[in-house]
Amino acid sequence: MSEVEVIEKIKGVVDSEIRPMLESHGGGIDLVGFDAAKGVLSVQLTGGCCGCPGAQATLSNMVERVVQRTVPEVREVVRA
């Protein structure tokens, strides 16, 4: 799969699964970049998520797991 295809797949899962969950709690997410060589997806949590003490847990327990389930090329999700 090409890098462009991987990024489109990431955008799709973020838009369909992750963003609605975060928005239901007053938060949001922006995709900042994807390092295909390392498999690292950089995101910025927004809204209520950006200052939340549970933001790191949200990244690893929800965002990372959902993305990796659909896009195995993503090895890690980090805050930008």
Protein backbone atom coordinates (compact mmCIF):
# COMPACT_ATOMS: atom_id res chain seq x y z
CA MET A 1 0.00 0.00 0.00
CA SER A 2 1.36 3.43 -0.92
CA GLU A 3 1.91 6.19 1.63
CA VAL A 4 -0.95 8.17 0.12
CA GLU A 5 -3.28 5.17 0.49
CA VAL A 6 -2.23 4.70 4.11
CA ILE A 7 -2.91 8.36 4.90
CA GLU A 8 -6.33 8.18 3.25
CA LYS A 9 -7.14 5.06 5.28
CA ILE A 10 -6.04 6.85 8.48
CA LYS A 11 -8.22 9.86 7.62
CA GLY A 12 -11.17 7.56 7.01
CA VAL A 13 -10.97 5.78 10.36
CA VAL A 14 -10.39 9.06 12.21
CA ASP A 15 -13.40 10.67 10.55
CA SER A 16 -15.73 7.71 10.92
CA GLU A 17 -14.81 6.32 14.36
CA ILE A 18 -12.49 8.50 16.44
CA ARG A 19 -13.68 12.05 15.78
CA PRO A 20 -17.35 11.29 16.63
CA MET A 21 -16.32 9.67 19.94
CA LEU A 22 -14.15 12.63 20.93
CA GLU A 23 -16.73 15.20 19.82
CA SER A 24 -19.37 13.52 21.98
CA HIS A 25 -17.21 14.53 24.97
CA GLY A 26 -16.44 18.06 23.77
CA GLY A 27 -13.09 17.21 22.22
CA GLY A 28 -11.59 16.77 18.81
CA ILE A 29 -8.57 15.59 16.89
CA ASP A 30 -6.43 16.97 14.06
CA LEU A 31 -4.03 14.87 12.02
CA VAL A 32 -0.63 16.56 11.95
CA GLY A 33 1.47 14.08 10.02
CA PHE A 34 2.49 10.50 9.34
CA ASP A 35 6.08 9.28 9.22
CA ALA A 36 5.74 6.23 6.99
CA ALA A 37 9.31 5.06 7.60
CA LYS A 38 8.73 4.88 11.36
CA GLY A 39 5.00 4.19 11.31
CA VAL A 40 4.37 7.15 13.61
CA LEU A 41 1.14 9.13 13.36
CA SER A 42 1.21 12.60 14.94
CA VAL A 43 -2.07 14.09 16.12
CA GLN A 44 -3.22 17.14 18.02
CA LEU A 45 -6.06 16.75 20.49
CA THR A 46 -8.37 19.76 20.50
CA GLY A 47 -11.30 21.16 22.43
CA GLY A 48 -11.90 19.55 25.80
CA CYS A 49 -9.28 16.90 25.06
CA CYS A 50 -6.29 19.24 24.79
CA GLY A 51 -6.11 20.03 28.50
CA CYS A 52 -7.65 16.86 29.85
CA PRO A 53 -5.54 14.89 32.35
CA GLY A 54 -6.71 11.71 30.61
CA ALA A 55 -5.51 12.79 27.17
CA GLN A 56 -2.57 10.37 27.10
CA ALA A 57 -4.86 7.49 28.03
CA THR A 58 -7.24 8.56 25.26
CA LEU A 59 -4.36 8.49 22.79
CA SER A 60 -3.04 5.08 23.72
CA ASN A 61 -6.22 3.29 24.78
CA MET A 62 -8.58 4.61 22.13
CA VAL A 63 -6.97 6.49 19.24
CA GLU A 64 -3.94 4.24 18.81
CA ARG A 65 -5.89 0.99 19.15
CA VAL A 66 -8.64 1.99 16.74
CA VAL A 67 -6.18 3.25 14.12
CA GLN A 68 -3.91 0.21 14.43
CA ARG A 69 -6.86 -2.16 14.10
CA THR A 70 -7.67 -0.67 10.70
CA VAL A 71 -4.26 0.56 9.55
CA PRO A 72 -1.51 -1.85 10.68
CA GLU A 73 1.14 0.40 9.10
CA VAL A 74 0.67 2.72 12.09
CA ARG A 75 2.94 1.49 14.86
CA GLU A 76 2.50 4.43 17.26
CA VAL A 77 0.32 7.50 17.76
CA VAL A 78 1.94 10.53 19.41
CA ARG A 79 0.85 14.04 20.38
CA ALA A 80 2.30 16.70 18.12
